[in-house]
Amino acid sequence: MHVESSLLVPAEFARLAVVHGTVATVSDPHEIGNVLGTAGVEYMLASGRTVPFKFCFGAPSCVPATSFETAGAVISVQDIEQLFQNPEIGYLAEMMNWPGVLHNDPDVAAKIGLAQRYGRPVDGHAPGLRGQDAQRYAAAGISTDHECFTADEARDKLAIGMKILIREGSAARNFEALIDLLPEHYENMMFCSDDKHPDTLVLGHINQLVQRAVARGQDVLKVLRVACLNPVLHYNLPVGLLREGDPADFIVVDDLADFRVRQTYVGGKLVAENGQTLIPAAPVSVVNNFHAQPFTSTDFQLSAPQKAPQTQSTEIRVIECFDGQLITARHNLPASVENGLVVSDVARDILKLTVVNRYEAAPPAVAFITGFGLKRGALASSVGHDSHNITAVGTDDESIARAVNLVIEAKGGLAAVGANLKRYYSLCPWPA
């Protein structure tokens, strides 16, 4: 669970999560790590210590996440070794750089080697990786994957000894594709939410996946092993398993069908009861790394490319997004051109997409996207994995500029603008 995706600091996340029976998380802090580096990781640890909740934070393995975008920090091999000196850092967080694993990148190999030397498991992140490449990835020491979006991919990775996390978050949802693997592979599977936005976290957490699995006829004890036991054993979490001498970490539910949580206990302390948190709120310190300056609509204009003599129309490359998935597709489509500029085409759902550097003054990157469905105005957000620059999608340049500038004015957050829509934005008291 990336706590940052809830738009809550760890202490506030815990206050809400315990209502749904969550007593601990395995959390990769690479979102705040990309903004603030190891100082961001330390911020998460400090916030987590203020509440009766068991956070297991990892050492982010891929900061920056890519060479194609500007991040706010670097977490080096030396930084990771320093983080591993802290027993609160429980694992090497998801190794997204699977090409670096396969091609023996020295930094990647050094990070994995450190995890092995310090006895920490290594989380994986390799969507679509199959066959011999997947075998080499696992053989390097990668123990899990939460990115499988087909049952066949998950079976392949289970067969080579990886543990598969069934992900059902706010952005990516793979429960339906993977849940039928549970009866045969329950000893090597777990549930996860990955990115859980606040509107869906209010409604439920892992308890929802347990309820859904049991409703499909899955054996309740196998489901509970996936939800409760396997994560504790794999990550060596300090969470009690109802054995003599264990910490009293447990929940009380109405029944083993609906799993409505009556009470949640952490370390023997009642922390939630009948839908209400019993963890008091605490003051939140503000940290940030945000230096972008306002833009005008002309900054987002895109000149039409010159047509080849033999062509009748200008083509542009368009990204296609899919609801509930992180994968995308690429298309070459005819451009809509007005006054020598390529513009959005709402009728064909081809909208302008931009990324604005939050860390330094730079021209925005401008492209096009389909599958978004926006009919007017624009949306902008500095909550943008993994580097958390400002991303905006809009139907016209003026709306895009207004939405981006709202985020800049607030130094982080979410914004929406439209012809008949009052501007609004949601702010975070820390780097969004």
Protein backbone atom coordinates (compact mmCIF):
# COMPACT_ATOMS: atom_id res chain seq x y z
CA MET A 1 0.00 0.00 0.00
CA HIS A 2 1.44 3.37 -1.06
CA VAL A 3 0.20 5.44 1.87
CA GLU A 4 0.83 8.60 -0.15
CA SER A 5 -1.96 7.65 -2.58
CA SER A 6 -4.50 8.06 0.20
CA LEU A 7 -3.49 11.76 0.32
CA LEU A 8 -3.02 11.22 4.06
CA VAL A 9 0.07 11.21 6.23
CA PRO A 10 0.68 7.79 7.83
CA ALA A 11 -0.89 8.74 11.17
CA GLU A 12 -4.10 9.87 9.47
CA PHE A 13 -4.13 6.84 7.19
CA ALA A 14 -3.95 4.60 10.26
CA ARG A 15 -6.88 6.40 11.90
CA LEU A 16 -9.05 5.51 8.91
CA ALA A 17 -7.66 2.06 8.03
CA VAL A 18 -8.26 0.57 11.48
CA VAL A 19 -11.99 1.17 11.03
CA HIS A 20 -11.87 -1.48 8.29
CA GLY A 21 -9.84 -3.95 10.33
CA THR A 22 -6.40 -3.14 8.94
CA VAL A 23 -3.76 -3.41 11.67
CA ALA A 24 -0.60 -3.11 9.55
CA THR A 25 0.64 -2.24 6.09
CA VAL A 26 3.56 -3.14 3.89
CA SER A 27 4.27 0.25 2.34
CA ASP A 28 6.68 1.47 -0.29
CA PRO A 29 7.33 5.19 0.34
CA HIS A 30 8.79 5.79 -3.10
CA GLU A 31 6.20 8.46 -3.94
CA ILE A 32 7.44 10.82 -1.24
CA GLY A 33 10.93 9.44 -1.89
CA ASN A 34 10.79 10.75 -5.46
CA VAL A 35 9.89 14.18 -4.10
CA LEU A 36 12.12 14.44 -1.01
CA GLY A 37 14.53 11.50 -1.06
CA THR A 38 15.43 9.75 2.18
CA ALA A 39 14.11 12.76 4.12
CA GLY A 40 10.67 11.76 2.83
CA VAL A 41 11.14 8.19 4.04
CA GLU A 42 12.16 9.47 7.47
CA TYR A 43 9.07 11.70 7.50
CA MET A 44 6.86 8.65 6.93
CA LEU A 45 8.59 6.71 9.69
CA ALA A 46 8.22 9.59 12.13
CA SER A 47 4.51 10.01 11.39
CA GLY A 48 3.87 6.28 11.68
CA ARG A 49 5.45 6.14 15.12
CA THR A 50 2.83 8.50 16.55
CA VAL A 51 -0.06 6.01 16.29
CA PRO A 52 -0.84 2.47 17.49
CA PHE A 53 -0.50 0.90 14.03
CA LYS A 54 2.18 -1.33 12.49
CA PHE A 55 3.74 0.25 9.41
CA CYS A 56 6.36 -1.78 7.59
CA PHE A 57 8.07 0.68 5.26
CA GLY A 58 10.47 -0.43 2.56
CA ALA A 59 13.61 1.16 1.17
CA PRO A 60 12.59 2.61 -2.23
CA SER A 61 14.60 0.82 -4.91
CA CYS A 62 13.87 3.05 -7.89
CA VAL A 63 14.26 6.76 -7.12
CA PRO A 64 14.17 8.27 -9.65
CA ALA A 65 11.84 5.76 -11.26
CA THR A 66 12.88 6.55 -14.83
CA SER A 67 15.40 8.57 -16.77
CA PHE A 68 12.61 10.03 -18.92
CA GLU A 69 11.23 12.39 -16.28
CA THR A 70 12.66 14.76 -13.68
CA ALA A 71 12.28 13.69 -10.05
CA GLY A 72 13.04 15.72 -6.96
CA ALA A 73 15.63 13.41 -5.46
CA VAL A 74 17.88 10.37 -5.82
CA ILE A 75 18.03 7.44 -3.40
CA SER A 76 21.39 5.79 -3.97
CA VAL A 77 22.85 2.42 -3.05
CA GLN A 78 24.55 4.12 -0.09
CA ASP A 79 21.23 5.64 0.98
CA ILE A 80 19.56 2.25 0.91
CA GLU A 81 22.32 0.72 3.03
CA GLN A 82 21.83 3.55 5.52
CA LEU A 83 18.07 2.90 5.56
CA PHE A 84 18.69 -0.80 6.21
CA GLN A 85 20.48 0.15 9.42
CA ASN A 86 16.99 0.97 10.74
CA PRO A 87 15.01 -2.15 11.75
CA GLU A 88 11.80 -0.27 10.86
CA ILE A 89 12.76 -0.64 7.17
CA GLY A 90 11.46 -4.11 6.48
CA TYR A 91 12.23 -4.84 2.84
CA LEU A 92 13.57 -3.54 -0.48
CA ALA A 93 10.54 -1.93 -2.08
CA GLU A 94 9.27 -2.83 -5.51
CA MET A 95 12.03 -3.27 -8.07
CA MET A 96 10.35 -1.55 -11.01
CA ASN A 97 13.54 -1.49 -13.04
CA TRP A 98 13.18 -5.03 -14.33
CA PRO A 99 15.29 -4.26 -17.44
CA GLY A 100 18.08 -3.31 -15.02
CA VAL A 101 17.66 -6.68 -13.30
CA LEU A 102 17.80 -8.60 -16.57
CA HIS A 103 20.80 -6.65 -17.88
CA ASN A 104 22.77 -6.77 -14.61
CA ASP A 105 22.76 -3.04 -14.03
CA PRO A 106 25.41 -2.50 -11.32
CA ASP A 107 23.26 -0.20 -9.16
CA VAL A 108 20.27 -2.54 -9.36
CA ALA A 109 22.41 -5.57 -8.51
CA ALA A 110 23.98 -3.71 -5.58
CA LYS A 111 20.58 -2.80 -4.14
CA ILE A 112 19.32 -6.37 -4.38
CA GLY A 113 22.59 -7.60 -2.88
CA LEU A 114 22.17 -5.26 0.08
CA ALA A 115 18.65 -6.57 0.73
CA GLN A 116 19.95 -10.14 0.70
CA ARG A 117 22.85 -9.25 2.99
CA TYR A 118 20.51 -7.58 5.48
CA GLY A 119 17.94 -10.37 5.26
CA ARG A 120 15.19 -8.25 3.71
CA PRO A 121 12.78 -9.60 1.07
CA VAL A 122 12.71 -7.87 -2.33
CA ASP A 123 9.38 -6.81 -3.80
CA GLY A 124 8.80 -7.02 -7.52
CA HIS A 125 7.08 -4.96 -10.19
CA ALA A 126 7.13 -6.51 -13.66
CA PRO A 127 3.81 -6.20 -15.51
CA GLY A 128 3.60 -8.56 -18.48
CA LEU A 129 7.00 -10.17 -17.93
CA ARG A 130 6.83 -13.83 -18.97
CA GLY A 131 8.95 -16.83 -19.89
CA GLN A 132 12.71 -16.86 -19.46
CA ASP A 133 12.82 -13.16 -18.64
CA ALA A 134 10.46 -13.73 -15.71
CA GLN A 135 12.58 -16.67 -14.56
CA ARG A 136 15.74 -14.53 -14.61
CA TYR A 137 13.92 -11.77 -12.74
CA ALA A 138 12.85 -14.16 -9.98
CA ALA A 139 16.23 -15.86 -9.89
CA ALA A 140 17.84 -12.50 -9.10
CA GLY A 141 16.02 -12.57 -5.77
CA ILE A 142 12.70 -10.88 -6.54
CA SER A 143 10.09 -12.56 -4.36
CA THR A 144 6.70 -11.00 -5.23
CA ASP A 145 4.72 -9.32 -7.97
CA HIS A 146 1.55 -7.23 -7.62
CA GLU A 147 1.35 -6.21 -11.29
CA CYS A 148 -0.15 -9.33 -12.92
CA PHE A 149 -3.21 -8.45 -14.94
CA THR A 150 -3.97 -11.91 -16.39
CA ALA A 151 -4.28 -15.30 -14.74
CA ASP A 152 -1.80 -16.86 -17.18
CA GLU A 153 0.87 -14.33 -16.22
CA ALA A 154 0.25 -14.99 -12.53
CA ARG A 155 0.44 -18.77 -13.05
CA ASP A 156 3.79 -18.40 -14.81
CA LYS A 157 5.22 -16.38 -11.93
CA LEU A 158 3.80 -18.71 -9.28
CA ALA A 159 5.43 -21.62 -11.10
CA ILE A 160 8.87 -20.03 -10.75
CA GLY A 161 8.43 -19.41 -7.03
CA MET A 162 7.16 -15.85 -6.88
CA LYS A 163 4.34 -14.87 -4.55
CA ILE A 164 1.46 -13.09 -6.29
CA LEU A 165 -0.41 -10.18 -4.73
CA ILE A 166 -3.99 -9.77 -5.93
CA ARG A 167 -4.27 -6.03 -6.38
CA GLU A 168 -7.54 -4.14 -6.12
CA GLY A 169 -6.91 -0.45 -5.73
CA SER A 170 -8.46 2.75 -6.94
CA ALA A 171 -6.49 2.98 -10.19
CA ALA A 172 -5.68 -0.65 -11.02
CA ARG A 173 -8.07 -3.51 -10.31
CA ASN A 174 -7.06 -7.13 -10.95
CA PHE A 175 -9.22 -9.02 -8.44
CA GLU A 176 -11.57 -10.52 -11.03
CA ALA A 177 -8.72 -11.65 -13.25
CA LEU A 178 -6.78 -13.42 -10.48
CA ILE A 179 -9.12 -14.50 -7.69
CA ASP A 180 -9.89 -17.93 -9.17
CA LEU A 181 -6.22 -18.87 -8.68
CA LEU A 182 -6.67 -18.72 -4.91
CA PRO A 183 -7.97 -22.27 -4.22
CA GLU A 184 -4.86 -23.87 -5.73
CA HIS A 185 -2.26 -21.25 -4.82
CA TYR A 186 -3.52 -19.74 -1.55
CA GLU A 187 -0.24 -20.50 0.25
CA ASN A 188 1.61 -18.17 -2.15
CA MET A 189 -0.85 -15.33 -2.63
CA MET A 190 -1.73 -12.11 -0.78
CA PHE A 191 -4.15 -9.20 -1.19
CA CYS A 192 -3.06 -5.63 -1.73
CA SER A 193 -4.53 -2.26 -2.60
CA ASP A 194 -1.33 -0.65 -3.98
CA ASP A 195 -2.90 2.79 -4.51
CA LYS A 196 -6.03 3.52 -2.49
CA HIS A 197 -7.53 6.95 -2.95
CA PRO A 198 -9.35 8.59 -0.02
CA ASP A 199 -12.84 8.27 -1.49
CA THR A 200 -12.53 4.49 -1.79
CA LEU A 201 -10.53 4.06 1.43
CA VAL A 202 -13.46 5.56 3.33
CA LEU A 203 -15.60 2.66 2.05
CA GLY A 204 -13.26 -0.19 2.90
CA HIS A 205 -9.86 -1.79 2.56
CA ILE A 206 -8.68 -5.43 2.56
CA ASN A 207 -11.91 -6.41 4.33
CA GLN A 208 -13.74 -5.76 1.05
CA LEU A 209 -11.54 -8.25 -0.82
CA VAL A 210 -12.11 -10.89 1.84
CA GLN A 211 -15.86 -10.38 1.64
CA ARG A 212 -15.84 -10.54 -2.16
CA ALA A 213 -13.74 -13.70 -2.24
CA VAL A 214 -15.96 -15.52 0.27
CA ALA A 215 -19.08 -14.38 -1.61
CA ARG A 216 -17.68 -16.13 -4.70
CA GLY A 217 -17.59 -19.41 -2.78
CA GLN A 218 -13.92 -19.39 -1.82
CA ASP A 219 -12.98 -21.29 1.33
CA VAL A 220 -13.00 -18.75 4.15
CA LEU A 221 -9.89 -20.11 5.89
CA LYS A 222 -7.89 -20.02 2.67
CA VAL A 223 -9.06 -16.47 2.05
CA LEU A 224 -8.08 -15.42 5.56
CA ARG A 225 -4.67 -17.02 5.12
CA VAL A 226 -4.16 -14.87 2.01
CA ALA A 227 -5.36 -11.73 3.77
CA CYS A 228 -3.86 -12.16 7.24
CA LEU A 229 -1.20 -14.84 7.58
CA ASN A 230 0.86 -14.83 4.39
CA PRO A 231 1.93 -11.16 4.59
CA VAL A 232 3.08 -11.54 8.21
CA LEU A 233 5.18 -14.60 7.36
CA HIS A 234 6.64 -13.28 4.10
CA TYR A 235 7.64 -9.84 5.38
CA ASN A 236 8.36 -10.96 8.96
CA LEU A 237 5.90 -8.40 10.27
CA PRO A 238 5.67 -7.76 14.03
CA VAL A 239 1.98 -8.65 13.91
CA GLY A 240 0.44 -11.16 16.28
CA LEU A 241 -1.04 -14.40 14.89
CA LEU A 242 -3.24 -15.26 17.89
CA ARG A 243 -0.55 -17.44 19.43
CA GLU A 244 0.43 -17.43 23.09
CA GLY A 245 2.86 -14.59 23.71
CA ASP A 246 2.02 -12.75 20.47
CA PRO A 247 1.00 -9.09 20.41
CA ALA A 248 -2.79 -8.85 20.58
CA ASP A 249 -3.40 -7.67 17.00
CA PHE A 250 -6.84 -8.88 15.96
CA ILE A 251 -10.29 -7.86 14.82
CA VAL A 252 -13.83 -8.78 15.84
CA VAL A 253 -16.36 -9.16 13.01
CA ASP A 254 -20.07 -9.83 12.92
CA ASP A 255 -19.68 -13.01 10.87
CA LEU A 256 -17.39 -14.75 8.37
CA ALA A 257 -19.48 -13.75 5.38
CA ASP A 258 -19.95 -9.98 5.37
CA PHE A 259 -16.94 -9.24 7.60
CA ARG A 260 -18.39 -6.08 9.07
CA VAL A 261 -15.73 -5.00 11.54
CA ARG A 262 -16.99 -4.43 15.08
CA GLN A 263 -13.64 -3.84 16.78
CA THR A 264 -9.97 -3.53 15.86
CA TYR A 265 -7.16 -4.12 18.37
CA VAL A 266 -3.48 -3.29 17.86
CA GLY A 267 -1.07 -4.38 20.56
CA GLY A 268 -4.00 -5.10 22.88
CA LYS A 269 -5.38 -1.57 22.49
CA LEU A 270 -8.88 -0.99 21.11
CA VAL A 271 -8.30 1.41 18.19
CA ALA A 272 -11.65 1.28 16.35
CA GLU A 273 -15.19 0.28 17.26
CA ASN A 274 -18.44 0.17 15.28
CA GLY A 275 -17.15 2.21 12.38
CA GLN A 276 -15.43 4.89 14.46
CA THR A 277 -11.71 5.39 14.93
CA LEU A 278 -10.45 5.68 18.49
CA ILE A 279 -7.01 6.98 17.49
CA PRO A 280 -6.86 10.72 18.21
CA ALA A 281 -5.78 13.16 15.53
CA ALA A 282 -2.38 14.79 15.89
CA PRO A 283 -0.81 17.94 14.38
CA VAL A 284 0.81 17.44 10.98
CA SER A 285 4.06 19.11 9.92
CA VAL A 286 4.33 20.41 6.36
CA VAL A 287 7.16 19.39 4.04
CA ASN A 288 7.38 20.08 0.33
CA ASN A 289 9.55 20.43 -2.76
CA PHE A 290 7.72 22.61 -5.27
CA HIS A 291 9.21 25.35 -7.46
CA ALA A 292 7.05 25.60 -10.62
CA GLN A 293 5.93 29.06 -11.75
CA PRO A 294 2.61 29.98 -13.50
CA PHE A 295 2.04 29.29 -17.20
CA THR A 296 -0.10 30.87 -19.93
CA SER A 297 -2.30 29.09 -22.47
CA THR A 298 0.27 29.69 -25.24
CA ASP A 299 2.76 27.54 -23.32
CA PHE A 300 0.61 24.51 -24.12
CA GLN A 301 0.20 25.17 -27.85
CA LEU A 302 1.58 22.56 -30.22
CA SER A 303 2.46 23.43 -33.80
CA ALA A 304 1.25 21.02 -36.46
CA PRO A 305 4.07 18.92 -37.95
CA GLN A 306 4.88 19.36 -41.61
CA LYS A 307 3.01 16.89 -43.81
CA ALA A 308 4.98 14.66 -46.12
CA PRO A 309 4.24 15.46 -49.80
CA GLN A 310 2.48 12.13 -50.35
CA THR A 311 0.16 12.39 -47.32
CA GLN A 312 -3.24 14.04 -47.19
CA SER A 313 -3.42 14.59 -43.43
CA THR A 314 -1.24 15.17 -40.39
CA GLU A 315 -0.95 12.24 -37.99
CA ILE A 316 -0.09 12.41 -34.32
CA ARG A 317 0.85 9.75 -31.81
CA VAL A 318 -1.89 9.24 -29.22
CA ILE A 319 -1.69 7.38 -25.90
CA GLU A 320 -4.75 5.23 -25.08
CA CYS A 321 -5.59 4.73 -21.41
CA PHE A 322 -7.83 2.00 -20.00
CA ASP A 323 -10.06 2.38 -16.96
CA GLY A 324 -8.85 0.26 -14.06
CA GLN A 325 -5.52 -0.61 -15.68
CA LEU A 326 -2.01 0.84 -15.68
CA ILE A 327 -1.16 -0.44 -19.16
CA THR A 328 -1.58 1.84 -22.19
CA ALA A 329 -1.63 1.54 -25.96
CA ARG A 330 -0.22 3.70 -28.76
CA HIS A 331 -2.04 4.86 -31.90
CA ASN A 332 -1.23 7.06 -34.88
CA LEU A 333 -4.38 9.11 -35.56
CA PRO A 334 -5.30 12.05 -37.79
CA ALA A 335 -4.73 15.36 -36.02
CA SER A 336 -7.24 18.16 -35.61
CA VAL A 337 -5.47 21.30 -36.81
CA GLU A 338 -6.67 24.87 -36.32
CA ASN A 339 -4.59 27.89 -37.40
CA GLY A 340 -1.50 25.73 -37.70
CA LEU A 341 -1.89 24.27 -34.21
CA VAL A 342 -2.82 20.72 -33.20
CA VAL A 343 -5.80 20.91 -30.82
CA SER A 344 -7.97 18.56 -28.81
CA ASP A 345 -10.83 16.83 -30.61
CA VAL A 346 -13.56 16.21 -28.04
CA ALA A 347 -15.84 14.48 -30.55
CA ARG A 348 -13.20 11.78 -31.10
CA ASP A 349 -12.05 11.83 -27.45
CA ILE A 350 -8.54 12.94 -28.39
CA LEU A 351 -7.49 15.33 -25.63
CA LYS A 352 -4.36 17.29 -24.92
CA LEU A 353 -2.10 15.89 -22.22
CA THR A 354 0.75 17.75 -20.53
CA VAL A 355 3.39 17.17 -17.89
CA VAL A 356 4.83 20.21 -16.09
CA ASN A 357 8.05 20.03 -14.08
CA ARG A 358 7.34 20.89 -10.43
CA TYR A 359 11.00 21.02 -9.42
CA GLU A 360 12.49 23.56 -11.81
CA ALA A 361 11.57 26.00 -14.59
CA ALA A 362 11.12 24.09 -17.84
CA PRO A 363 8.78 24.05 -20.86
CA PRO A 364 5.84 21.67 -20.47
CA ALA A 365 5.79 18.38 -22.34
CA VAL A 366 2.66 18.18 -24.53
CA ALA A 367 1.05 15.11 -26.09
CA PHE A 368 -2.42 13.59 -26.73
CA ILE A 369 -4.50 10.94 -25.02
CA THR A 370 -7.68 8.98 -25.77
CA GLY A 371 -9.91 6.95 -23.46
CA PHE A 372 -10.23 9.75 -20.93
CA GLY A 373 -13.72 10.93 -21.88
CA LEU A 374 -13.52 14.53 -20.66
CA LYS A 375 -16.05 16.74 -22.46
CA ARG A 376 -15.05 20.22 -21.27
CA GLY A 377 -12.48 22.00 -19.15
CA ALA A 378 -9.41 20.36 -17.67
CA LEU A 379 -8.10 18.33 -14.75
CA ALA A 380 -4.64 18.70 -13.22
CA SER A 381 -2.82 16.87 -10.46
CA SER A 382 0.59 16.79 -8.84
CA VAL A 383 -0.29 13.32 -7.53
CA GLY A 384 1.43 11.60 -10.44
CA HIS A 385 3.47 8.43 -10.06
CA ASP A 386 6.29 8.25 -9.87
CA SER A 387 7.96 11.66 -10.06
CA HIS A 388 4.91 13.69 -9.02
CA ASN A 389 5.23 16.45 -11.51
CA ILE A 390 2.00 18.16 -12.60
CA THR A 391 -0.04 16.20 -15.12
CA ALA A 392 -3.05 17.78 -16.82
CA VAL A 393 -5.62 16.66 -19.39
CA GLY A 394 -7.94 19.13 -21.05
CA THR A 395 -10.15 20.07 -23.93
CA ASP A 396 -8.50 23.46 -24.57
CA ASP A 397 -5.28 25.27 -23.75
CA GLU A 398 -6.88 27.95 -21.58
CA SER A 399 -8.52 25.39 -19.30
CA ILE A 400 -5.28 23.41 -19.07
CA ALA A 401 -3.35 26.53 -18.06
CA ARG A 402 -5.96 27.44 -15.42
CA ALA A 403 -5.91 23.93 -13.92
CA VAL A 404 -2.11 23.76 -13.87
CA ASN A 405 -1.86 27.21 -12.28
CA LEU A 406 -4.31 26.26 -9.54
CA VAL A 407 -2.01 23.38 -8.55
CA ILE A 408 1.01 25.70 -8.71
CA GLU A 409 -0.75 28.33 -6.59
CA ALA A 410 -1.47 25.69 -3.94
CA LYS A 411 2.01 24.11 -4.29
CA GLY A 412 0.48 20.71 -4.88
CA GLY A 413 -2.93 19.11 -5.10
CA LEU A 414 -5.76 18.39 -7.51
CA ALA A 415 -7.64 20.91 -9.65
CA ALA A 416 -10.59 20.95 -12.04
CA VAL A 417 -11.83 23.78 -14.21
CA GLY A 418 -14.61 24.16 -16.76
CA ALA A 419 -16.79 26.75 -18.46
CA ASN A 420 -19.64 26.21 -16.00
CA LEU A 421 -17.64 24.66 -13.20
CA LYS A 422 -16.42 26.54 -10.19
CA ARG A 423 -12.74 25.95 -9.70
CA TYR A 424 -11.85 23.66 -6.85
CA TYR A 425 -8.82 21.86 -5.58
CA SER A 426 -7.98 19.38 -2.88
CA LEU A 427 -4.78 20.05 -0.99
CA CYS A 428 -2.47 17.80 0.95
CA PRO A 429 -0.49 18.99 4.00
CA TRP A 430 2.60 17.35 2.51
CA PRO A 431 4.07 16.68 -0.98
CA ALA A 432 1.23 15.52 -3.20
